[in-house]
Structure formats: structure tokens, C-alpha cells
Protein backbone atom coordinates (compact mmCIF):
# COMPACT_ATOMS: atom_id res chain seq x y z
CA MET A 1 12.97 20.41 15.27
CA GLY A 2 11.83 17.40 17.57
CA PHE A 3 10.96 14.27 15.82
CA SER A 4 8.93 13.26 12.90
CA TYR A 5 7.22 10.27 11.59
CA TYR A 6 4.73 8.83 9.19
CA THR A 7 2.32 6.00 9.38
CA SER A 8 2.24 3.08 6.94
CA ASN A 9 -0.05 -0.10 7.38
CA GLY A 10 -0.73 1.01 11.20
CA ASN A 11 2.89 1.26 11.86
CA GLN A 12 4.97 4.33 12.51
CA TYR A 13 8.45 5.00 10.86
CA GLY A 14 10.94 7.89 11.32
CA LEU A 15 10.69 10.48 8.40
CA VAL A 16 13.71 10.11 5.90
CA GLU A 17 15.00 13.41 4.08
CA SER A 18 15.45 13.08 0.52
CA GLU A 19 15.06 15.60 -2.36
CA ASP A 20 15.26 13.15 -5.37
CA THR A 21 14.08 9.57 -4.16
CA TYR A 22 11.23 8.23 -2.23
CA PRO A 23 12.39 6.59 0.80
CA ASN A 24 9.24 7.04 2.72
CA THR A 25 7.11 3.99 1.61
CA ILE A 26 3.39 3.77 2.17
CA CYS A 27 1.83 0.23 1.99
CA TRP A 28 -0.92 0.50 -0.66
CA ASN A 29 -3.81 -1.84 0.35
CA GLY A 30 -5.90 -2.00 -2.92
CA ASN A 31 -8.15 1.04 -1.79
CA PRO A 32 -7.36 4.68 -1.36
CA THR A 33 -4.66 4.64 1.41
CA SER A 34 -3.90 7.65 3.59
CA THR A 35 -0.67 8.26 5.45
CA ASN A 36 -0.36 10.90 8.14
CA VAL A 37 2.96 12.63 8.59
CA VAL A 38 3.48 14.17 12.03
CA THR A 39 6.34 16.49 13.07
CA THR A 40 6.72 17.58 16.47
CA LEU A 41 8.48 20.83 16.53
CA PHE A 42 10.06 22.72 19.49
CA GLY A 43 10.51 26.60 19.81
CA THR A 44 9.04 27.01 16.10
CA THR A 45 7.03 29.77 15.30
CA SER A 46 5.75 28.50 11.88
CA ALA A 47 5.73 25.27 9.99
CA SER A 48 4.27 24.35 6.39
CA TRP A 49 4.32 21.79 3.94
CA THR A 50 4.29 22.43 0.21
CA LYS A 51 4.16 19.83 -2.62
CA ILE A 52 7.18 20.15 -5.01
CA SER A 53 6.19 17.37 -7.50
CA SER A 54 4.05 14.28 -7.61
CA THR A 55 3.00 11.46 -9.85
CA PRO A 56 0.11 11.90 -10.74
CA ALA A 57 0.18 15.68 -10.60
CA SER A 58 -3.26 15.62 -8.90
CA LEU A 59 -1.93 13.58 -5.89
CA LEU A 60 -4.18 14.37 -3.01
CA TRP A 61 -2.68 15.85 0.12
CA SER A 62 -3.69 18.42 2.76
CA SER A 63 -2.13 20.15 5.87
CA THR A 64 -3.73 18.71 8.88
CA GLY A 65 -2.34 20.81 11.78
CA PHE A 66 0.84 22.62 12.60
CA GLY A 67 3.57 20.87 10.83
CA ASN A 68 1.43 17.94 9.95
CA MET A 69 -0.16 16.65 6.67
CA SER A 70 -1.99 13.83 5.18
CA ILE A 71 -1.27 12.19 1.75
CA THR A 72 -3.86 9.95 0.15
CA PHE A 73 -2.48 7.37 -2.52
CA LYS A 74 -4.92 5.55 -4.81
CA ALA A 75 -2.43 3.05 -6.54
CA ILE A 76 1.00 1.45 -6.39
CA GLY A 77 3.48 3.66 -7.78
CA GLU A 78 2.09 7.08 -6.94
CA LYS A 79 4.72 9.36 -5.52
CA GLY A 80 5.48 12.76 -4.40
CA VAL A 81 8.24 15.23 -3.04
CA PHE A 82 7.15 17.58 -0.40
CA ARG A 83 9.05 20.41 1.31
CA LEU A 84 8.67 21.28 5.08
CA THR A 85 9.62 24.82 6.09
CA THR A 86 10.00 25.56 9.72
CA SER A 87 10.87 29.01 11.28
CA ASN A 88 11.86 30.36 14.74
CA VAL A 89 13.52 33.49 16.08
CA CYS A 90 16.92 32.41 14.55
CA GLY A 91 15.68 31.71 11.02
CA SER A 92 14.03 29.01 9.01
CA ILE A 93 14.96 25.52 7.79
CA THR A 94 13.84 23.75 4.63
CA LYS A 95 13.88 20.04 4.26
CA PHE A 96 12.64 17.79 1.41
CA HIS A 97 10.84 14.19 1.93
CA GLY A 98 9.85 11.75 -0.80
CA PHE A 99 6.72 9.51 -0.43
CA GLN A 100 5.93 6.49 -2.58
CA ALA A 101 3.06 3.96 -2.42
CA VAL A 102 4.34 0.50 -2.66
CA SER A 103 2.86 -3.10 -2.22
CA CYS A 104 3.65 -4.39 1.16
CA ALA A 105 1.61 -7.47 0.60
CA GLY A 106 2.77 -10.75 -1.03
CA PHE A 107 0.12 -10.13 -3.94
CA THR A 108 -1.99 -7.69 -5.59
CA ALA A 109 -5.06 -8.13 -7.78
CA PHE A 110 -6.54 -6.25 -10.85
CA PRO A 111 -8.71 -4.98 -12.25
CA ASN A 112 -10.59 -3.87 -9.41
CA PRO A 113 -13.55 -3.63 -9.67
CA ALA A 114 -13.48 -6.69 -11.80
CA SER A 115 -16.29 -8.29 -13.77
CA ASP A 116 -15.15 -11.64 -15.69
CA GLU A 117 -11.82 -12.37 -14.50
CA LEU A 118 -9.37 -11.24 -11.64
CA THR A 119 -5.56 -11.32 -12.20
CA ILE A 120 -3.59 -12.00 -9.03
CA GLN A 121 -0.15 -10.96 -9.22
CA PHE A 122 2.51 -12.06 -6.81
CA GLU A 123 5.46 -9.95 -5.56
CA ASN A 124 7.91 -12.86 -5.47
CA THR A 125 7.45 -16.47 -6.99
CA GLU A 126 11.13 -17.63 -6.73
CA SER A 127 10.46 -19.72 -3.56
CA LEU A 128 7.54 -21.01 -1.65
CA ASN A 129 9.07 -19.11 1.33
CA TYR A 130 7.61 -15.89 -0.51
CA LEU A 131 4.27 -17.20 -1.13
CA HIS A 132 1.03 -17.99 0.87
CA ASN A 133 -0.05 -21.72 0.90
CA GLU A 134 -3.31 -20.71 -0.58
CA ILE A 135 -5.52 -17.77 -1.75
CA GLN A 136 -9.18 -17.64 -0.48
CA LEU A 137 -12.09 -15.64 -2.16
CA ILE A 138 -14.42 -14.55 0.72
CA ASP A 139 -17.72 -13.27 0.26
CA GLU A 140 -18.11 -10.16 2.44
CA LYS A 141 -21.94 -10.79 3.21
CA SER A 142 -21.75 -14.47 4.14
CA GLN A 143 -18.13 -14.59 5.07
CA LYS A 144 -17.97 -17.89 3.25
CA ASN A 145 -15.09 -19.05 1.17
CA VAL A 146 -16.21 -19.22 -2.44
CA LYS A 147 -13.01 -19.88 -4.06
CA THR A 148 -9.58 -21.27 -3.23
CA VAL A 149 -6.32 -21.36 -5.18
CA ASN A 150 -3.65 -23.66 -3.89
CA LEU A 151 -0.52 -21.81 -4.39
CA SER A 152 1.78 -24.52 -3.25
CA GLU A 153 0.63 -26.71 -6.19
CA ILE A 154 0.83 -23.92 -8.94
CA PHE A 155 4.36 -23.31 -7.74
CA VAL A 156 5.24 -27.01 -7.94
CA LEU A 157 3.73 -27.45 -11.21
CA LYS A 158 5.11 -24.11 -12.55
CA GLN A 159 1.63 -22.68 -13.49
CA PHE A 160 2.13 -19.04 -13.02
CA GLU A 161 1.26 -16.91 -16.07
CA ASN A 162 4.04 -14.34 -17.21
CA GLY A 163 6.04 -15.62 -14.27
CA ASN A 164 4.10 -14.21 -11.33
CA GLN A 165 0.39 -14.13 -12.19
CA ILE A 166 -2.61 -16.32 -11.89
CA LYS A 167 -6.15 -15.80 -13.30
CA LEU A 168 -9.39 -16.27 -11.43
CA LYS A 169 -12.60 -16.53 -12.93
CA VAL A 170 -15.37 -14.38 -11.10
CA SER A 171 -18.16 -14.01 -13.64
CA ASP A 172 -20.05 -16.87 -11.99
CA LEU A 173 -19.99 -15.02 -8.69
CA PRO A 174 -22.61 -12.54 -7.52
CA ARG A 175 -21.69 -8.94 -7.87
CA GLY A 176 -20.72 -7.23 -4.43
CA THR A 177 -17.63 -7.06 -2.20
CA TYR A 178 -15.27 -9.92 -1.64
CA TYR A 179 -11.82 -10.28 0.18
CA LEU A 180 -8.75 -12.11 -1.26
CA ARG A 181 -7.17 -13.86 1.84
CA GLY A 182 -3.67 -15.18 1.76
CA ILE A 183 -3.32 -18.08 4.12
CA PRO A 184 0.23 -18.86 5.04
CA ALA A 185 1.43 -22.48 5.50
CA GLU A 186 2.03 -23.81 8.88
CA GLY A 187 5.28 -22.52 10.39
CA SER A 188 5.62 -19.90 7.60
CA LYS A 189 6.99 -16.44 8.36
CA MET A 190 4.25 -14.98 5.93
CA GLU A 191 1.32 -13.36 7.65
CA VAL A 192 -2.43 -13.54 6.84
CA GLU A 193 -2.93 -10.90 4.10
CA THR A 194 -6.38 -9.38 2.90
CA LEU A 195 -7.19 -7.38 -0.06
CA ARG A 196 -10.79 -6.06 -0.80
CA ILE A 197 -12.15 -6.62 -4.19
CA LEU A 198 -15.36 -5.37 -5.79
CA LEU A 199 -17.38 -7.46 -8.51
CA GLU A 200 -19.25 -5.41 -10.82
């Protein structure tokens, strides 16, 4: 069949076959996130994708060319199993592939859009190694930092709510688009992470 891959967070990964699990994980970035699935087929006369199941049932997807497709995820946890059927002069082959949207960031935020308060939830709060040094809220128009949360201090003082959340008041800010930016400590293996937030 050649090779197959899917894209996630700008990177390419080899397509893993599976009928009942979701090994092909897509980094969800807080907005509708699309992944492209590309298959390079040699000696094939036909190739088609079919959705077998998904959560939600209305998961958006489309064929984008010979043996290729695009899937659009709108939230963490959305998933789907797809069947790829290829044919040549010798017959046909069917393979199943599961895809799931996961959080690849150190944090997520909700509700989004927000009005009064934003909850920032962290993937892992067991060690400072898994946390950014601080979270900044950046105004899209001015590019200025309008709020800063010191995560190192919150970790030391054990001030996380429900073990992995903090609340950020946003009712005092002008409505519009903002970015939550995770800033790593010097020497940390964490990377700068950004999440788009809409205030309504």
C-alpha cells in the first residue's frame, strides 16, 4: 500500500491500525482542529474511507483525494473509527484506524467563550516539572499581558482547586480575543504553549 500518516500539531505520525482503540491521537488546541490523513498507494485502482463509528455521531470528516481524508475535532475526547478499503487487480484490503482528540498542552481552559470567570485545568500538577512557571493572559489587539498567574507559587502553597484547577477572573476585561500563554521556567523541558480564548 505504500505509507500512511496523519498530522497532529504540525507534525506527521505513522498511521496505526486498530479496530477498537484510538491510537492515532490529535492535539486539540481549543478551536476546531483538523487532521489530514494521507495514504500513498502503489498499484491501487481504488481507495476509499468510511466512518464506522464516532463520538459525537456528527463528527465532521471528508474525503480529500485518492485515499486521503480530513477529520475536524471540536473538543477533547471526540473520536472516531474509520475503515480504509483499497483495491487492485488481485483483490481488496480493508484496514481500520481509530482517531481521538486529546490535550497535548500542559493546560486547557473553559468555558470558551468565557464571560465572568475562566477555569484553567492542568494535565499534571504532581510536580513542577509538569507545570509552566507562569500563565499570562495576552490581549490580541494590544499584545499586552493583562493578567499573570504564578504557577510555581500556587504549587508551593497547594492552592489548586480540585487538585488541578485555578480560577481566573475575566469579568473586568474588555470583550474580545485573548491568548493564554504558558511560560516555562528557565532550564525547563516545557515549551511555550498558547491557547486562544474568547471573552463575550
